[in-house]
Amino acid sequence: MLDRGHEGTDGVDGGDLIVPMAWMYAEYIADELLRSGDLMPPTSFEFRAGRDALALTIFLADTEGELSGIRVVTQLETWLSLTAYDQPWQEWVRRRLTEVASEAAAAGRPAPDVELAEAAWHWLQETELLAPDLNAVPGKGPVTGEDEGPKVWTPAWQLGLPLGHLAIHLF
């Protein structure tokens, strides 16, 4: 997914590797927030869903292009409000991805950050994880062994978003 475009890391036309630093930084922050919350094993799909949802939020919330220079503490409230339960996060992600991709295309520059963000979004939408059915009526249905109730297949973003939100709260 890394683009070997015309503009290198130093801005010179030389075919150098363009490093998607903004996306990598957003992913790093998301990973650290989730690890510090110690909510689930870093090797789980649920962790990945949380990391990708949080990284998308961090990356797309950077409207000024200052991601590499931000201070995490100053952005926590913004990220909390974007990931809150009652917010239309999915629509916001779609809109912001379109805006960011359009800005890069209009500027005529490669957009490896956007490509990685789009890949994360695609994974979050297309991947389903087995999760407890939060809409199930308590006491209905059998509970056997380790099961704590009925489970349903859920899009990864629907699990990752509240996980990311909780990780921000715990930070």
N, C-alpha and C. Protein backbone atom coordinates (compact mmCIF):
# COMPACT_ATOMS: atom_id res chain seq x y z
N MET A 1 0.80 -1.19 0.00
CA MET A 1 0.00 0.00 0.00
C MET A 1 0.85 1.26 0.00
N LEU A 2 2.11 1.18 0.35
CA LEU A 2 2.95 2.36 0.31
C LEU A 2 3.17 2.77 -1.14
N ASP A 3 3.12 4.04 -1.38
CA ASP A 3 3.19 4.56 -2.74
C ASP A 3 4.61 5.01 -3.05
N ARG A 4 5.12 4.55 -4.16
CA ARG A 4 6.41 5.03 -4.64
C ARG A 4 6.12 6.06 -5.72
N GLY A 5 5.69 7.23 -5.28
CA GLY A 5 5.27 8.28 -6.20
C GLY A 5 6.42 9.18 -6.61
N HIS A 6 6.05 10.36 -7.07
CA HIS A 6 7.04 11.30 -7.59
C HIS A 6 7.67 12.13 -6.49
N GLU A 7 6.98 12.30 -5.40
CA GLU A 7 7.49 13.14 -4.33
C GLU A 7 8.02 12.26 -3.22
N GLY A 8 9.26 12.43 -2.87
CA GLY A 8 9.88 11.62 -1.83
C GLY A 8 9.61 12.17 -0.45
N THR A 9 10.24 11.57 0.53
CA THR A 9 10.05 12.01 1.90
C THR A 9 10.62 13.40 2.11
N ASP A 10 11.56 13.82 1.27
CA ASP A 10 12.13 15.16 1.40
C ASP A 10 11.50 16.15 0.43
N GLY A 11 10.47 15.73 -0.31
CA GLY A 11 9.77 16.61 -1.22
C GLY A 11 10.44 16.75 -2.57
N VAL A 12 11.48 15.97 -2.82
CA VAL A 12 12.20 16.06 -4.08
C VAL A 12 11.69 15.00 -5.02
N ASP A 13 11.57 15.34 -6.30
CA ASP A 13 11.11 14.38 -7.29
C ASP A 13 12.23 13.39 -7.55
N GLY A 14 12.16 12.22 -6.88
CA GLY A 14 13.20 11.24 -7.04
C GLY A 14 12.71 9.82 -6.92
N GLY A 15 11.41 9.60 -6.84
CA GLY A 15 10.89 8.25 -6.74
C GLY A 15 11.14 7.60 -5.40
N ASP A 16 11.44 8.40 -4.37
CA ASP A 16 11.67 7.85 -3.04
C ASP A 16 10.37 7.31 -2.45
N LEU A 17 10.52 6.47 -1.48
CA LEU A 17 9.37 5.93 -0.77
C LEU A 17 8.69 7.05 0.02
N ILE A 18 7.40 7.17 -0.14
CA ILE A 18 6.63 8.16 0.61
C ILE A 18 6.10 7.48 1.85
N VAL A 19 6.52 7.94 2.99
CA VAL A 19 6.16 7.32 4.26
C VAL A 19 4.87 7.95 4.78
N PRO A 20 3.87 7.13 5.05
CA PRO A 20 2.58 7.64 5.54
C PRO A 20 2.65 7.98 7.03
N MET A 21 3.39 9.01 7.36
CA MET A 21 3.64 9.34 8.76
C MET A 21 2.39 9.70 9.55
N ALA A 22 1.46 10.44 8.94
CA ALA A 22 0.26 10.83 9.68
C ALA A 22 -0.54 9.60 10.10
N TRP A 23 -0.72 8.65 9.17
CA TRP A 23 -1.46 7.43 9.51
C TRP A 23 -0.70 6.61 10.55
N MET A 24 0.60 6.48 10.36
CA MET A 24 1.40 5.68 11.29
C MET A 24 1.37 6.28 12.69
N TYR A 25 1.39 7.61 12.77
CA TYR A 25 1.33 8.27 14.06
C TYR A 25 -0.04 8.07 14.71
N ALA A 26 -1.11 8.19 13.92
CA ALA A 26 -2.46 7.97 14.45
C ALA A 26 -2.61 6.53 14.96
N GLU A 27 -2.07 5.60 14.21
CA GLU A 27 -2.14 4.19 14.61
C GLU A 27 -1.33 3.94 15.88
N TYR A 28 -0.19 4.59 16.00
CA TYR A 28 0.65 4.45 17.20
C TYR A 28 -0.09 4.99 18.43
N ILE A 29 -0.70 6.18 18.31
CA ILE A 29 -1.43 6.76 19.43
C ILE A 29 -2.58 5.83 19.84
N ALA A 30 -3.32 5.34 18.85
CA ALA A 30 -4.44 4.44 19.13
C ALA A 30 -3.96 3.17 19.83
N ASP A 31 -2.87 2.61 19.35
CA ASP A 31 -2.31 1.40 19.95
C ASP A 31 -1.92 1.65 21.40
N GLU A 32 -1.25 2.77 21.65
CA GLU A 32 -0.82 3.09 23.03
C GLU A 32 -2.01 3.32 23.95
N LEU A 33 -3.04 4.00 23.46
CA LEU A 33 -4.23 4.22 24.29
C LEU A 33 -4.88 2.89 24.66
N LEU A 34 -5.01 1.99 23.69
CA LEU A 34 -5.63 0.69 23.96
C LEU A 34 -4.77 -0.17 24.87
N ARG A 35 -3.47 -0.15 24.66
CA ARG A 35 -2.59 -0.95 25.53
C ARG A 35 -2.60 -0.42 26.96
N SER A 36 -2.62 0.89 27.12
CA SER A 36 -2.62 1.45 28.48
C SER A 36 -3.92 1.13 29.20
N GLY A 37 -5.01 0.98 28.46
CA GLY A 37 -6.29 0.60 29.07
C GLY A 37 -6.36 -0.86 29.45
N ASP A 38 -5.48 -1.68 28.86
CA ASP A 38 -5.42 -3.11 29.15
C ASP A 38 -6.80 -3.75 29.09
N LEU A 39 -7.53 -3.44 28.01
CA LEU A 39 -8.91 -3.91 27.88
C LEU A 39 -9.02 -5.31 27.28
N MET A 40 -8.05 -5.68 26.43
CA MET A 40 -8.04 -7.01 25.84
C MET A 40 -6.68 -7.28 25.25
N PRO A 41 -6.42 -8.54 24.94
CA PRO A 41 -5.09 -8.89 24.41
C PRO A 41 -4.81 -8.18 23.09
N PRO A 42 -3.60 -7.63 22.94
CA PRO A 42 -3.24 -6.93 21.70
C PRO A 42 -3.24 -7.82 20.47
N THR A 43 -3.30 -9.11 20.64
CA THR A 43 -3.31 -10.02 19.50
C THR A 43 -4.73 -10.36 19.03
N SER A 44 -5.74 -9.84 19.72
CA SER A 44 -7.12 -10.19 19.37
C SER A 44 -7.66 -9.32 18.24
N PHE A 45 -8.66 -9.86 17.56
CA PHE A 45 -9.33 -9.09 16.50
C PHE A 45 -10.07 -7.89 17.10
N GLU A 46 -10.56 -8.04 18.31
CA GLU A 46 -11.25 -6.95 18.97
C GLU A 46 -10.30 -5.78 19.21
N PHE A 47 -9.07 -6.09 19.61
CA PHE A 47 -8.06 -5.05 19.80
C PHE A 47 -7.80 -4.34 18.48
N ARG A 48 -7.64 -5.12 17.40
CA ARG A 48 -7.41 -4.51 16.09
C ARG A 48 -8.57 -3.61 15.70
N ALA A 49 -9.79 -4.05 15.96
CA ALA A 49 -10.95 -3.24 15.63
C ALA A 49 -10.92 -1.92 16.41
N GLY A 50 -10.59 -2.00 17.68
CA GLY A 50 -10.48 -0.79 18.50
C GLY A 50 -9.37 0.13 18.01
N ARG A 51 -8.22 -0.46 17.70
CA ARG A 51 -7.09 0.33 17.22
C ARG A 51 -7.42 1.01 15.90
N ASP A 52 -8.01 0.27 14.96
CA ASP A 52 -8.33 0.85 13.66
C ASP A 52 -9.40 1.94 13.77
N ALA A 53 -10.43 1.71 14.59
CA ALA A 53 -11.48 2.72 14.76
C ALA A 53 -10.90 3.98 15.41
N LEU A 54 -10.07 3.80 16.40
CA LEU A 54 -9.46 4.93 17.07
C LEU A 54 -8.45 5.64 16.17
N ALA A 55 -7.67 4.89 15.41
CA ALA A 55 -6.71 5.49 14.48
C ALA A 55 -7.43 6.30 13.41
N LEU A 56 -8.54 5.78 12.90
CA LEU A 56 -9.33 6.54 11.93
C LEU A 56 -9.84 7.84 12.54
N THR A 57 -10.31 7.77 13.76
CA THR A 57 -10.80 8.96 14.44
C THR A 57 -9.68 9.98 14.60
N ILE A 58 -8.54 9.54 15.06
CA ILE A 58 -7.40 10.44 15.28
C ILE A 58 -6.94 11.04 13.95
N PHE A 59 -6.76 10.21 12.94
CA PHE A 59 -6.29 10.67 11.63
C PHE A 59 -7.26 11.65 10.98
N LEU A 60 -8.53 11.30 10.99
CA LEU A 60 -9.53 12.13 10.30
C LEU A 60 -9.91 13.38 11.08
N ALA A 61 -9.68 13.40 12.38
CA ALA A 61 -9.96 14.58 13.20
C ALA A 61 -8.89 15.64 13.01
N ASP A 62 -7.78 15.29 12.42
CA ASP A 62 -6.68 16.23 12.20
C ASP A 62 -6.98 17.08 10.98
N THR A 63 -7.81 18.08 11.13
CA THR A 63 -8.23 18.92 10.00
C THR A 63 -7.18 19.96 9.62
N GLU A 64 -6.21 20.19 10.48
CA GLU A 64 -5.19 21.20 10.20
C GLU A 64 -3.89 20.61 9.69
N GLY A 65 -3.81 19.29 9.56
CA GLY A 65 -2.59 18.66 9.07
C GLY A 65 -1.44 18.76 10.06
N GLU A 66 -1.76 18.78 11.33
CA GLU A 66 -0.74 18.93 12.36
C GLU A 66 -0.57 17.68 13.21
N LEU A 67 -0.99 16.53 12.71
CA LEU A 67 -1.01 15.32 13.52
C LEU A 67 0.32 15.02 14.17
N SER A 68 1.40 15.12 13.44
CA SER A 68 2.69 14.75 14.02
C SER A 68 3.13 15.71 15.11
N GLY A 69 2.50 16.88 15.19
CA GLY A 69 2.90 17.83 16.21
C GLY A 69 1.89 17.98 17.34
N ILE A 70 0.82 17.20 17.33
CA ILE A 70 -0.21 17.38 18.35
C ILE A 70 0.22 16.81 19.69
N ARG A 71 -0.39 17.31 20.68
CA ARG A 71 -0.22 16.78 22.02
C ARG A 71 -1.49 15.98 22.32
N VAL A 72 -1.32 14.73 22.64
CA VAL A 72 -2.46 13.83 22.82
C VAL A 72 -3.46 14.37 23.83
N VAL A 73 -3.00 14.90 24.92
CA VAL A 73 -3.89 15.35 25.98
C VAL A 73 -4.84 16.45 25.48
N THR A 74 -4.37 17.30 24.58
CA THR A 74 -5.23 18.38 24.09
C THR A 74 -6.31 17.88 23.14
N GLN A 75 -6.17 16.69 22.61
CA GLN A 75 -7.12 16.15 21.64
C GLN A 75 -8.10 15.15 22.24
N LEU A 76 -7.90 14.73 23.46
CA LEU A 76 -8.73 13.68 24.05
C LEU A 76 -10.22 14.02 24.03
N GLU A 77 -10.58 15.24 24.36
CA GLU A 77 -12.00 15.63 24.38
C GLU A 77 -12.62 15.53 22.99
N THR A 78 -11.87 15.95 21.98
CA THR A 78 -12.37 15.86 20.60
C THR A 78 -12.62 14.40 20.23
N TRP A 79 -11.65 13.54 20.53
CA TRP A 79 -11.79 12.12 20.20
C TRP A 79 -12.92 11.48 20.97
N LEU A 80 -13.09 11.88 22.24
CA LEU A 80 -14.21 11.35 23.04
C LEU A 80 -15.55 11.74 22.43
N SER A 81 -15.67 12.99 22.02
CA SER A 81 -16.96 13.42 21.45
C SER A 81 -17.24 12.73 20.12
N LEU A 82 -16.21 12.50 19.32
CA LEU A 82 -16.40 11.83 18.03
C LEU A 82 -16.77 10.35 18.18
N THR A 83 -16.27 9.71 19.23
CA THR A 83 -16.50 8.27 19.42
C THR A 83 -17.66 7.97 20.36
N ALA A 84 -18.34 9.00 20.84
CA ALA A 84 -19.45 8.81 21.77
C ALA A 84 -20.56 7.98 21.13
N TYR A 85 -21.29 7.27 21.94
CA TYR A 85 -22.32 6.34 21.50
C TYR A 85 -23.38 7.01 20.62
N ASP A 86 -23.76 8.22 20.95
CA ASP A 86 -24.86 8.87 20.24
C ASP A 86 -24.42 9.65 19.01
N GLN A 87 -23.18 9.53 18.60
CA GLN A 87 -22.67 10.27 17.45
C GLN A 87 -22.71 9.40 16.18
N PRO A 88 -22.93 10.04 15.02
CA PRO A 88 -22.96 9.31 13.75
C PRO A 88 -21.54 9.08 13.21
N TRP A 89 -20.74 8.33 13.95
CA TRP A 89 -19.33 8.14 13.62
C TRP A 89 -19.15 7.56 12.23
N GLN A 90 -19.92 6.57 11.87
CA GLN A 90 -19.76 5.90 10.58
C GLN A 90 -19.94 6.90 9.43
N GLU A 91 -20.95 7.75 9.49
CA GLU A 91 -21.17 8.75 8.46
C GLU A 91 -20.05 9.78 8.45
N TRP A 92 -19.58 10.18 9.64
CA TRP A 92 -18.49 11.13 9.75
C TRP A 92 -17.22 10.57 9.09
N VAL A 93 -16.92 9.30 9.33
CA VAL A 93 -15.74 8.68 8.72
C VAL A 93 -15.86 8.71 7.20
N ARG A 94 -17.00 8.30 6.68
CA ARG A 94 -17.20 8.31 5.23
C ARG A 94 -16.99 9.71 4.64
N ARG A 95 -17.59 10.70 5.27
CA ARG A 95 -17.48 12.07 4.78
C ARG A 95 -16.04 12.57 4.84
N ARG A 96 -15.38 12.34 5.97
CA ARG A 96 -14.00 12.83 6.13
C ARG A 96 -13.04 12.10 5.20
N LEU A 97 -13.21 10.80 5.00
CA LEU A 97 -12.34 10.08 4.06
C LEU A 97 -12.47 10.65 2.65
N THR A 98 -13.70 10.95 2.26
CA THR A 98 -13.93 11.54 0.94
C THR A 98 -13.27 12.92 0.84
N GLU A 99 -13.42 13.73 1.88
CA GLU A 99 -12.81 15.05 1.90
C GLU A 99 -11.29 14.98 1.82
N VAL A 100 -10.69 14.13 2.63
CA VAL A 100 -9.23 14.02 2.68
C VAL A 100 -8.68 13.50 1.35
N ALA A 101 -9.36 12.51 0.77
CA ALA A 101 -8.93 11.97 -0.53
C ALA A 101 -9.06 13.04 -1.62
N SER A 102 -10.13 13.82 -1.59
CA SER A 102 -10.33 14.88 -2.57
C SER A 102 -9.27 15.96 -2.44
N GLU A 103 -8.93 16.32 -1.22
CA GLU A 103 -7.89 17.33 -0.99
C GLU A 103 -6.55 16.86 -1.55
N ALA A 104 -6.21 15.60 -1.32
CA ALA A 104 -4.95 15.06 -1.83
C ALA A 104 -4.95 15.03 -3.36
N ALA A 105 -6.07 14.64 -3.94
CA ALA A 105 -6.17 14.58 -5.41
C ALA A 105 -6.08 15.98 -6.01
N ALA A 106 -6.74 16.94 -5.39
CA ALA A 106 -6.71 18.32 -5.89
C ALA A 106 -5.32 18.91 -5.81
N ALA A 107 -4.56 18.50 -4.80
CA ALA A 107 -3.19 18.99 -4.64
C ALA A 107 -2.23 18.23 -5.55
N GLY A 108 -2.71 17.15 -6.15
CA GLY A 108 -1.87 16.37 -7.06
C GLY A 108 -0.75 15.63 -6.36
N ARG A 109 -0.98 15.27 -5.13
CA ARG A 109 0.05 14.57 -4.38
C ARG A 109 -0.39 13.15 -4.04
N PRO A 110 0.56 12.23 -3.93
CA PRO A 110 0.22 10.87 -3.51
C PRO A 110 -0.38 10.91 -2.10
N ALA A 111 -1.22 9.95 -1.80
CA ALA A 111 -1.89 9.93 -0.50
C ALA A 111 -1.80 8.56 0.15
N PRO A 112 -0.59 8.11 0.51
CA PRO A 112 -0.49 6.79 1.15
C PRO A 112 -1.19 6.74 2.50
N ASP A 113 -1.27 7.87 3.21
CA ASP A 113 -2.00 7.91 4.48
C ASP A 113 -3.47 7.60 4.25
N VAL A 114 -4.02 8.22 3.23
CA VAL A 114 -5.44 8.02 2.91
C VAL A 114 -5.69 6.58 2.48
N GLU A 115 -4.77 6.02 1.71
CA GLU A 115 -4.91 4.63 1.28
C GLU A 115 -4.94 3.68 2.48
N LEU A 116 -4.09 3.92 3.47
CA LEU A 116 -4.08 3.08 4.67
C LEU A 116 -5.35 3.29 5.50
N ALA A 117 -5.80 4.53 5.59
CA ALA A 117 -7.05 4.82 6.32
C ALA A 117 -8.23 4.14 5.63
N GLU A 118 -8.27 4.20 4.30
CA GLU A 118 -9.35 3.54 3.56
C GLU A 118 -9.30 2.03 3.73
N ALA A 119 -8.10 1.46 3.78
CA ALA A 119 -7.97 0.02 3.99
C ALA A 119 -8.47 -0.36 5.39
N ALA A 120 -8.15 0.46 6.38
CA ALA A 120 -8.63 0.20 7.74
C ALA A 120 -10.16 0.29 7.79
N TRP A 121 -10.71 1.30 7.13
CA TRP A 121 -12.16 1.47 7.10
C TRP A 121 -12.83 0.29 6.41
N HIS A 122 -12.26 -0.14 5.31
CA HIS A 122 -12.80 -1.30 4.59
C HIS A 122 -12.80 -2.53 5.50
N TRP A 123 -11.70 -2.77 6.21
CA TRP A 123 -11.63 -3.92 7.12
C TRP A 123 -12.69 -3.79 8.22
N LEU A 124 -12.83 -2.62 8.79
CA LEU A 124 -13.80 -2.42 9.87
C LEU A 124 -15.24 -2.65 9.40
N GLN A 125 -15.53 -2.29 8.15
CA GLN A 125 -16.89 -2.48 7.62
C GLN A 125 -17.15 -3.91 7.20
N GLU A 126 -16.17 -4.53 6.57
CA GLU A 126 -16.37 -5.84 5.96
C GLU A 126 -16.16 -7.02 6.91
N THR A 127 -15.46 -6.80 7.99
CA THR A 127 -15.16 -7.88 8.92
C THR A 127 -16.21 -7.91 10.02
N GLU A 128 -16.70 -9.11 10.30
CA GLU A 128 -17.65 -9.28 11.39
C GLU A 128 -17.02 -10.13 12.47
N LEU A 129 -17.27 -9.76 13.71
CA LEU A 129 -16.74 -10.47 14.86
C LEU A 129 -17.91 -10.97 15.71
N LEU A 130 -17.72 -12.13 16.31
CA LEU A 130 -18.76 -12.70 17.18
C LEU A 130 -18.71 -12.00 18.53
N ALA A 131 -19.81 -11.39 18.89
CA ALA A 131 -19.84 -10.59 20.12
C ALA A 131 -21.14 -10.84 20.88
N PRO A 132 -21.14 -10.53 22.18
CA PRO A 132 -22.38 -10.66 22.94
C PRO A 132 -23.48 -9.81 22.32
N ASP A 133 -24.68 -10.35 22.30
CA ASP A 133 -25.82 -9.62 21.76
C ASP A 133 -26.32 -8.68 22.85
N LEU A 134 -26.00 -7.40 22.70
CA LEU A 134 -26.38 -6.42 23.70
C LEU A 134 -27.86 -6.11 23.67
N ASN A 135 -28.56 -6.55 22.63
CA ASN A 135 -29.99 -6.32 22.53
C ASN A 135 -30.81 -7.51 23.01
N ALA A 136 -30.14 -8.56 23.45
CA ALA A 136 -30.84 -9.76 23.92
C ALA A 136 -31.53 -9.48 25.25
N VAL A 137 -32.63 -10.14 25.45
CA VAL A 137 -33.37 -10.01 26.70
C VAL A 137 -32.67 -10.86 27.75
N PRO A 138 -32.29 -10.27 28.90
CA PRO A 138 -31.63 -11.04 29.95
C PRO A 138 -32.51 -12.20 30.43
N GLY A 139 -31.87 -13.32 30.66
CA GLY A 139 -32.57 -14.49 31.17
C GLY A 139 -33.20 -15.35 30.10
N LYS A 140 -33.22 -14.90 28.87
CA LYS A 140 -33.78 -15.69 27.77
C LYS A 140 -32.66 -16.49 27.13
N GLY A 141 -32.90 -17.71 26.83
CA GLY A 141 -31.91 -18.54 26.15
C GLY A 141 -30.99 -19.21 27.15
N PRO A 142 -30.40 -20.32 26.72
CA PRO A 142 -29.54 -21.08 27.61
C PRO A 142 -28.16 -20.43 27.78
N VAL A 143 -27.62 -20.57 28.95
CA VAL A 143 -26.24 -20.15 29.22
C VAL A 143 -25.47 -21.41 29.56
N THR A 144 -24.50 -21.71 28.72
CA THR A 144 -23.76 -22.94 28.91
C THR A 144 -22.28 -22.67 29.01
N GLY A 145 -21.62 -23.34 29.94
CA GLY A 145 -20.17 -23.25 30.06
C GLY A 145 -19.68 -21.82 30.18
N GLU A 146 -18.75 -21.46 29.29
CA GLU A 146 -18.14 -20.14 29.32
C GLU A 146 -19.03 -19.07 28.69
N ASP A 147 -20.05 -19.47 27.97
CA ASP A 147 -20.92 -18.48 27.33
C ASP A 147 -21.63 -17.64 28.38
N GLU A 148 -21.71 -16.36 28.09
CA GLU A 148 -22.40 -15.45 29.00
C GLU A 148 -23.71 -14.98 28.39
N GLY A 149 -24.17 -15.67 27.38
CA GLY A 149 -25.41 -15.29 26.73
C GLY A 149 -25.29 -15.40 25.23
N PRO A 150 -26.35 -15.01 24.54
CA PRO A 150 -26.36 -15.12 23.08
C PRO A 150 -25.33 -14.19 22.45
N LYS A 151 -24.83 -14.62 21.30
CA LYS A 151 -23.85 -13.83 20.56
C LYS A 151 -24.34 -13.63 19.14
N VAL A 152 -23.90 -12.54 18.56
CA VAL A 152 -24.27 -12.21 17.18
C VAL A 152 -23.02 -11.75 16.43
N TRP A 153 -23.07 -11.90 15.11
CA TRP A 153 -21.99 -11.39 14.27
C TRP A 153 -22.19 -9.90 14.11
N THR A 154 -21.15 -9.14 14.42
CA THR A 154 -21.23 -7.69 14.46
C THR A 154 -20.10 -7.09 13.63
N PRO A 155 -20.38 -6.04 12.83
CA PRO A 155 -19.30 -5.38 12.10
C PRO A 155 -18.20 -4.92 13.07
N ALA A 156 -16.98 -5.08 12.66
CA ALA A 156 -15.84 -4.78 13.54
C ALA A 156 -15.87 -3.35 14.06
N TRP A 157 -16.32 -2.41 13.25
CA TRP A 157 -16.33 -1.02 13.71
C TRP A 157 -17.27 -0.83 14.90
N GLN A 158 -18.38 -1.63 14.95
CA GLN A 158 -19.32 -1.50 16.05
C GLN A 158 -18.76 -2.02 17.37
N LEU A 159 -17.75 -2.88 17.30
CA LEU A 159 -17.06 -3.31 18.51
C LEU A 159 -15.88 -2.40 18.82
N GLY A 160 -15.18 -2.01 17.76
CA GLY A 160 -13.97 -1.21 17.95
C GLY A 160 -14.23 0.19 18.45
N LEU A 161 -15.31 0.80 18.00
CA LEU A 161 -15.59 2.17 18.39
C LEU A 161 -15.79 2.34 19.91
N PRO A 162 -16.66 1.55 20.55
CA PRO A 162 -16.80 1.70 22.00
C PRO A 162 -15.53 1.30 22.75
N LEU A 163 -14.78 0.36 22.21
CA LEU A 163 -13.53 -0.02 22.84
C LEU A 163 -12.54 1.15 22.81
N GLY A 164 -12.45 1.81 21.66
CA GLY A 164 -11.59 2.99 21.56
C GLY A 164 -12.06 4.10 22.49
N HIS A 165 -13.36 4.31 22.55
CA HIS A 165 -13.92 5.34 23.43
C HIS A 165 -13.56 5.06 24.88
N LEU A 166 -13.72 3.82 25.29
CA LEU A 166 -13.39 3.44 26.67
C LEU A 166 -11.89 3.61 26.94
N ALA A 167 -11.05 3.27 25.98
CA ALA A 167 -9.61 3.43 26.16
C ALA A 167 -9.25 4.90 26.37
N ILE A 168 -9.92 5.80 25.66
CA ILE A 168 -9.67 7.24 25.85
C ILE A 168 -10.06 7.63 27.27
N HIS A 169 -11.20 7.17 27.73
CA HIS A 169 -11.65 7.47 29.10
C HIS A 169 -10.66 6.99 30.13
N LEU A 170 -10.08 5.83 29.91
CA LEU A 170 -9.16 5.26 30.89
C LEU A 170 -7.78 5.89 30.86
N PHE A 171 -7.48 6.66 29.83
CA PHE A 171 -6.15 7.25 29.70
C PHE A 171 -5.91 8.29 30.73
